[in-house]
């Protein structure tokens, strides 16, 4: 039974579109959905940074302000239970167990919805300072650049991505689907030949050692459907080239494989005990 290449290409295109949507999907928050400081009411996008507690938040500005206020406020050393009992909205301690407390931000904000003790103010500032330091000196970032020229065409790239974003490609099965799409020796040889030099189907038969043009079309069509290869829009009809914005990905896959095979250009020490970083939540 003859294969329906048209149906296969349509299916591959649908799968590619689903992968693109899954990979680049973004959720837009409305103003009402944005996390807000429980004291000043500003949203996450209106302040430098924010620490999240259990259903309450405090921004950098409020934490700094409250620290200054608490420094100038006498502490209550009494251990007797007061007439009015309330708790810190962050750590849950009752006021008779705290040294100092900001009660619903009444010193400044009349609409504040949370209490915070001096210990949580200090801890929030420590977390915010640490987060600021990590932002200035980020870790687990992958930076790479390169260029490739062939057949009168060229491609240059420079990118920085988070390692966790790359790991997500495995978790959401994007990696396996892409690797399965090109993980065929004949298909890879065909891709390499076109990457090195634009060519027509007859040239591909000779360059890749195929017996017939049918074999070429068999492997060429999935590459076209995956948006890796396309027919050249200028010059001789029937000449195929690698899509310009896919060159980077193909080269970097091979660069990664080279590092797996020969680690002479990589360094690392995994003998150290793992360092667990404190979460931004308190």
Protein backbone atom coordinates (compact mmCIF):
# COMPACT_ATOMS: atom_id res chain seq x y z
CA UNK A 1 0.00 0.00 0.00
CA UNK A 2 1.44 3.38 -1.04
CA UNK A 3 2.16 5.85 1.72
CA UNK A 4 0.16 9.05 1.81
CA UNK A 5 2.96 11.57 2.14
CA UNK A 6 0.54 14.47 2.01
CA UNK A 7 -1.34 13.18 5.07
CA UNK A 8 1.94 12.53 6.88
CA UNK A 9 3.15 16.07 6.20
CA UNK A 10 -0.15 17.54 7.41
CA UNK A 11 0.11 15.48 10.60
CA UNK A 12 3.71 16.58 11.19
CA UNK A 13 2.71 20.21 10.67
CA UNK A 14 -0.08 19.87 13.24
CA UNK A 15 2.30 18.29 15.74
CA UNK A 16 4.84 21.07 15.14
CA UNK A 17 2.22 23.75 15.77
CA UNK A 18 1.17 22.04 19.00
CA UNK A 19 4.80 21.94 20.11
CA UNK A 20 5.23 25.64 19.33
CA UNK A 21 2.11 26.55 21.30
CA UNK A 22 3.19 24.41 24.24
CA UNK A 23 6.72 25.81 24.22
CA UNK A 24 5.87 29.48 23.84
CA UNK A 25 2.54 29.61 25.63
CA UNK A 26 2.29 32.54 28.00
CA UNK A 27 -0.38 33.29 30.54
CA UNK A 28 -1.32 36.93 30.82
CA UNK A 29 -2.22 38.09 34.30
CA UNK A 30 -4.92 40.68 34.74
CA UNK A 31 -4.30 43.51 37.16
CA UNK A 32 -6.56 41.78 39.69
CA UNK A 33 -4.57 38.54 39.42
CA UNK A 34 -1.14 40.10 39.95
CA UNK A 35 0.37 39.47 43.42
CA UNK A 36 0.17 42.61 45.54
CA UNK A 37 1.92 43.84 48.65
CA UNK A 38 -0.47 43.31 51.59
CA UNK A 39 0.58 46.65 53.08
CA UNK A 40 0.86 49.26 50.30
CA UNK A 41 -1.26 47.43 47.72
CA UNK A 42 1.23 47.79 44.88
CA UNK A 43 1.43 44.97 42.34
CA UNK A 44 4.50 42.88 41.62
CA UNK A 45 5.24 44.97 38.52
CA UNK A 46 5.15 48.24 40.49
CA UNK A 47 7.84 47.36 43.04
CA UNK A 48 11.45 46.21 42.90
CA UNK A 49 10.78 42.81 44.44
CA UNK A 50 8.29 41.03 46.68
CA UNK A 51 8.43 38.29 49.32
CA UNK A 52 5.47 35.92 49.53
CA UNK A 53 4.15 34.57 52.81
CA UNK A 54 1.08 32.41 53.45
CA UNK A 55 -1.56 34.35 51.47
CA UNK A 56 0.22 37.66 52.19
CA UNK A 57 3.12 39.54 50.54
CA UNK A 58 5.50 42.33 51.41
CA UNK A 59 7.48 44.44 48.95
CA UNK A 60 11.02 45.77 49.31
CA UNK A 61 9.84 49.31 50.00
CA UNK A 62 7.50 48.32 52.85
CA UNK A 63 10.02 45.95 54.42
CA UNK A 64 12.65 48.72 54.40
CA UNK A 65 10.19 51.28 55.79
CA UNK A 66 9.00 48.95 58.55
CA UNK A 67 12.57 48.12 59.57
CA UNK A 68 13.28 51.81 60.12
CA UNK A 69 10.04 52.27 62.05
CA UNK A 70 10.70 49.24 64.26
CA UNK A 71 14.22 50.46 65.03
CA UNK A 72 12.72 53.64 66.52
CA UNK A 73 9.93 51.78 68.37
CA UNK A 74 10.45 50.51 71.95
CA UNK A 75 10.07 46.74 72.22
CA UNK A 76 7.50 45.06 74.48
CA UNK A 77 9.31 42.58 76.76
CA UNK A 78 6.15 41.49 78.59
CA UNK A 79 5.26 37.76 78.30
CA UNK A 80 1.73 38.21 79.60
CA UNK A 81 -1.09 37.67 77.16
CA UNK A 82 -2.44 41.11 76.12
CA UNK A 83 -6.10 42.07 75.99
CA UNK A 84 -6.01 42.12 72.17
CA UNK A 85 -4.44 39.05 70.60
CA UNK A 86 -3.32 39.02 66.98
CA UNK A 87 -0.77 37.07 64.95
CA UNK A 88 2.00 37.86 62.51
CA UNK A 89 0.55 37.11 59.09
CA UNK A 90 3.88 35.63 57.97
CA UNK A 91 5.19 33.41 60.80
CA UNK A 92 1.94 33.02 62.77
CA UNK A 93 3.34 34.05 66.16
CA UNK A 94 0.93 35.77 68.54
CA UNK A 95 1.77 39.32 69.55
CA UNK A 96 2.64 38.43 73.16
CA UNK A 97 5.43 36.18 71.80
CA UNK A 98 6.88 38.92 69.57
CA UNK A 99 9.22 41.74 70.47
CA UNK A 100 7.79 44.27 68.00
CA UNK A 101 4.97 44.18 65.47
CA UNK A 102 3.57 46.25 62.65
CA UNK A 103 -0.21 45.93 63.03
CA UNK A 104 -1.90 46.06 59.64
CA UNK A 105 0.49 48.80 58.62
CA UNK A 106 -1.52 51.34 60.63
CA UNK A 107 1.56 53.47 61.03
CA UNK A 108 1.36 54.31 57.32
CA UNK A 109 -1.25 52.32 55.38
CA UNK A 110 -4.88 52.41 56.47
CA UNK A 111 -5.94 49.70 54.00
CA UNK A 112 -3.21 47.19 54.90
CA UNK A 113 -4.47 43.64 55.39
CA UNK A 114 -1.57 42.00 57.23
CA UNK A 115 0.54 42.12 60.39
CA UNK A 116 4.26 41.51 60.44
CA UNK A 117 6.69 41.07 63.32
CA UNK A 118 10.21 42.45 63.52
CA UNK A 119 11.72 39.01 62.88
CA UNK A 120 9.80 38.57 59.62
CA UNK A 121 10.68 42.10 58.51
CA UNK A 122 14.35 41.26 59.00
CA UNK A 123 14.02 37.90 57.30
CA UNK A 124 12.18 39.45 54.35
CA UNK A 125 14.97 41.98 53.86
CA UNK A 126 17.57 39.19 53.99
CA UNK A 127 15.68 37.19 51.34
CA UNK A 128 15.24 40.27 49.14
CA UNK A 129 18.93 41.13 49.43
CA UNK A 130 19.88 37.58 48.48
CA UNK A 131 17.48 37.57 45.53
CA UNK A 132 18.91 40.91 44.35
CA UNK A 133 22.45 39.53 44.57
CA UNK A 134 21.51 36.40 42.60
CA UNK A 135 19.82 38.57 39.97
CA UNK A 136 23.01 40.60 39.53
CA UNK A 137 25.12 37.44 39.45
CA UNK A 138 22.77 34.82 38.01
CA UNK A 139 23.70 31.15 38.04
CA UNK A 140 22.49 28.26 35.90
CA UNK A 141 22.41 30.43 32.79
CA UNK A 142 23.54 28.99 29.47
CA UNK A 143 25.16 31.49 27.12
CA UNK A 144 26.29 30.54 23.64
CA UNK A 145 27.13 32.20 20.37
CA UNK A 146 28.40 31.23 16.96
CA UNK A 147 28.25 31.70 13.23
CA UNK A 148 28.13 29.46 10.17
CA UNK A 149 28.65 30.36 6.53
CA UNK A 150 28.04 28.10 3.56
CA UNK A 151 27.02 28.41 -0.04
CA UNK A 152 26.98 32.20 0.07
CA UNK A 153 24.65 32.20 3.06
CA UNK A 154 25.39 32.85 6.69
CA UNK A 155 23.84 32.67 10.12
CA UNK A 156 24.95 34.27 13.39
CA UNK A 157 23.52 33.81 16.87
CA UNK A 158 24.01 34.81 20.49
CA UNK A 159 21.64 33.54 23.14
CA UNK A 160 21.27 33.22 26.90
CA UNK A 161 18.74 30.82 28.38
CA UNK A 162 17.94 29.46 31.82
CA UNK A 163 18.97 25.86 32.40
CA UNK A 164 15.55 25.11 33.90
CA UNK A 165 13.87 26.27 30.68
CA UNK A 166 16.00 23.79 28.76
CA UNK A 167 15.13 21.00 31.20
CA UNK A 168 11.45 21.73 30.59
CA UNK A 169 11.96 20.57 27.00
CA UNK A 170 12.46 17.07 28.40
CA UNK A 171 9.61 17.29 30.89
CA UNK A 172 7.08 18.43 28.28
CA UNK A 173 8.39 15.85 25.77
CA UNK A 174 9.45 18.49 23.23
CA UNK A 175 13.04 17.18 23.23
CA UNK A 176 12.14 13.58 22.45
CA UNK A 177 9.76 14.58 19.66
CA UNK A 178 12.36 16.82 18.00
CA UNK A 179 15.12 14.20 18.36
CA UNK A 180 12.86 11.51 16.97
CA UNK A 181 12.09 13.77 14.01
CA UNK A 182 15.75 14.01 12.98
CA UNK A 183 17.07 10.86 14.66
CA UNK A 184 17.57 8.87 11.48
CA UNK A 185 21.00 8.44 9.92
CA UNK A 186 19.80 8.94 6.33
CA UNK A 187 17.82 11.99 7.35
CA UNK A 188 20.79 13.47 9.24
CA UNK A 189 23.09 12.87 6.26
CA UNK A 190 20.59 14.62 4.03
CA UNK A 191 20.30 17.53 6.46
CA UNK A 192 24.09 17.82 6.66
CA UNK A 193 24.47 17.80 2.86
CA UNK A 194 21.91 20.60 2.44
CA UNK A 195 23.46 22.55 5.33
CA UNK A 196 26.85 22.49 3.62
CA UNK A 197 25.51 23.33 0.18
CA UNK A 198 22.08 24.06 -1.29
CA UNK A 199 21.21 21.30 -3.76
CA UNK A 200 18.45 19.72 -5.79
CA UNK A 201 17.09 16.20 -5.35
CA UNK A 202 19.33 14.68 -8.03
CA UNK A 203 22.40 16.09 -6.27
CA UNK A 204 21.15 14.69 -2.95
CA UNK A 205 20.98 11.18 -4.44
CA UNK A 206 24.69 11.38 -5.32
CA UNK A 207 25.85 13.25 -2.21
CA UNK A 208 24.09 10.96 0.28
CA UNK A 209 24.44 7.65 -1.55
CA UNK A 210 20.75 7.07 -2.16
CA UNK A 211 19.60 4.73 -4.90
CA UNK A 212 16.54 6.69 -6.08
CA UNK A 213 14.98 10.12 -5.84
CA UNK A 214 12.09 8.43 -4.02
CA UNK A 215 14.38 7.72 -1.09
CA UNK A 216 15.37 11.37 -1.00
CA UNK A 217 11.76 12.55 -0.98
CA UNK A 218 10.96 10.02 1.75
CA UNK A 219 13.42 11.73 4.13
CA UNK A 220 13.13 15.23 2.72
CA UNK A 221 9.41 15.66 3.33
CA UNK A 222 9.58 15.23 7.15
CA UNK A 223 12.40 17.77 7.25
CA UNK A 224 10.27 20.21 5.26
CA UNK A 225 7.27 19.56 7.51
CA UNK A 226 9.42 20.24 10.59
CA UNK A 227 10.43 23.62 9.06
CA UNK A 228 14.10 22.59 8.90
CA UNK A 229 14.43 22.58 5.13
CA UNK A 230 12.63 24.56 2.42
CA UNK A 231 12.78 25.04 -1.31
CA UNK A 232 14.93 28.01 -2.28
CA UNK A 233 12.78 30.97 -3.26
CA UNK A 234 15.35 32.51 -5.55
CA UNK A 235 17.45 31.05 -8.32
CA UNK A 236 16.99 27.58 -9.75
CA UNK A 237 13.68 25.86 -9.02
CA UNK A 238 13.86 22.66 -6.98
CA UNK A 239 16.94 23.64 -4.97
CA UNK A 240 16.61 23.08 -1.21
CA UNK A 241 18.29 24.93 1.66
CA UNK A 242 18.23 24.75 5.45
CA UNK A 243 15.86 27.34 6.92
CA UNK A 244 18.06 30.22 8.14
CA UNK A 245 16.71 30.44 11.69
CA UNK A 246 17.11 26.65 12.13
CA UNK A 247 20.85 26.63 11.42
CA UNK A 248 21.67 27.64 15.00
CA UNK A 249 19.65 24.79 16.49
CA UNK A 250 21.19 22.16 14.22
CA UNK A 251 24.74 23.34 14.91
CA UNK A 252 24.16 23.56 18.68
CA UNK A 253 22.70 20.04 18.82
CA UNK A 254 25.90 18.79 17.20
CA UNK A 255 27.98 20.95 19.59
CA UNK A 256 26.21 19.33 22.53
CA UNK A 257 26.86 15.86 21.12
CA UNK A 258 30.55 16.77 20.66
CA UNK A 259 30.77 17.69 24.35
CA UNK A 260 29.16 14.38 25.31
CA UNK A 261 31.67 12.46 23.21
CA UNK A 262 34.76 14.48 24.23
CA UNK A 263 34.65 16.52 27.43
CA UNK A 264 38.06 18.18 26.99
CA UNK A 265 36.48 21.63 26.73
CA UNK A 266 34.24 21.26 29.78
CA UNK A 267 34.99 21.56 33.48
CA UNK A 268 32.93 20.65 36.51
CA UNK A 269 33.04 19.29 40.02
CA UNK A 270 30.00 17.45 41.31
CA UNK A 271 31.80 16.16 44.43
CA UNK A 272 30.64 19.11 46.51
CA UNK A 273 27.52 18.63 48.59
CA UNK A 274 24.47 20.28 47.05
CA UNK A 275 23.69 23.75 48.40
CA UNK A 276 20.00 24.27 49.05
CA UNK A 277 19.03 27.87 48.45
CA UNK A 278 16.40 29.42 50.65
CA UNK A 279 13.06 29.83 48.89
CA UNK A 280 11.71 33.30 48.30
CA UNK A 281 8.56 32.27 50.19
CA UNK A 282 8.41 32.58 53.97
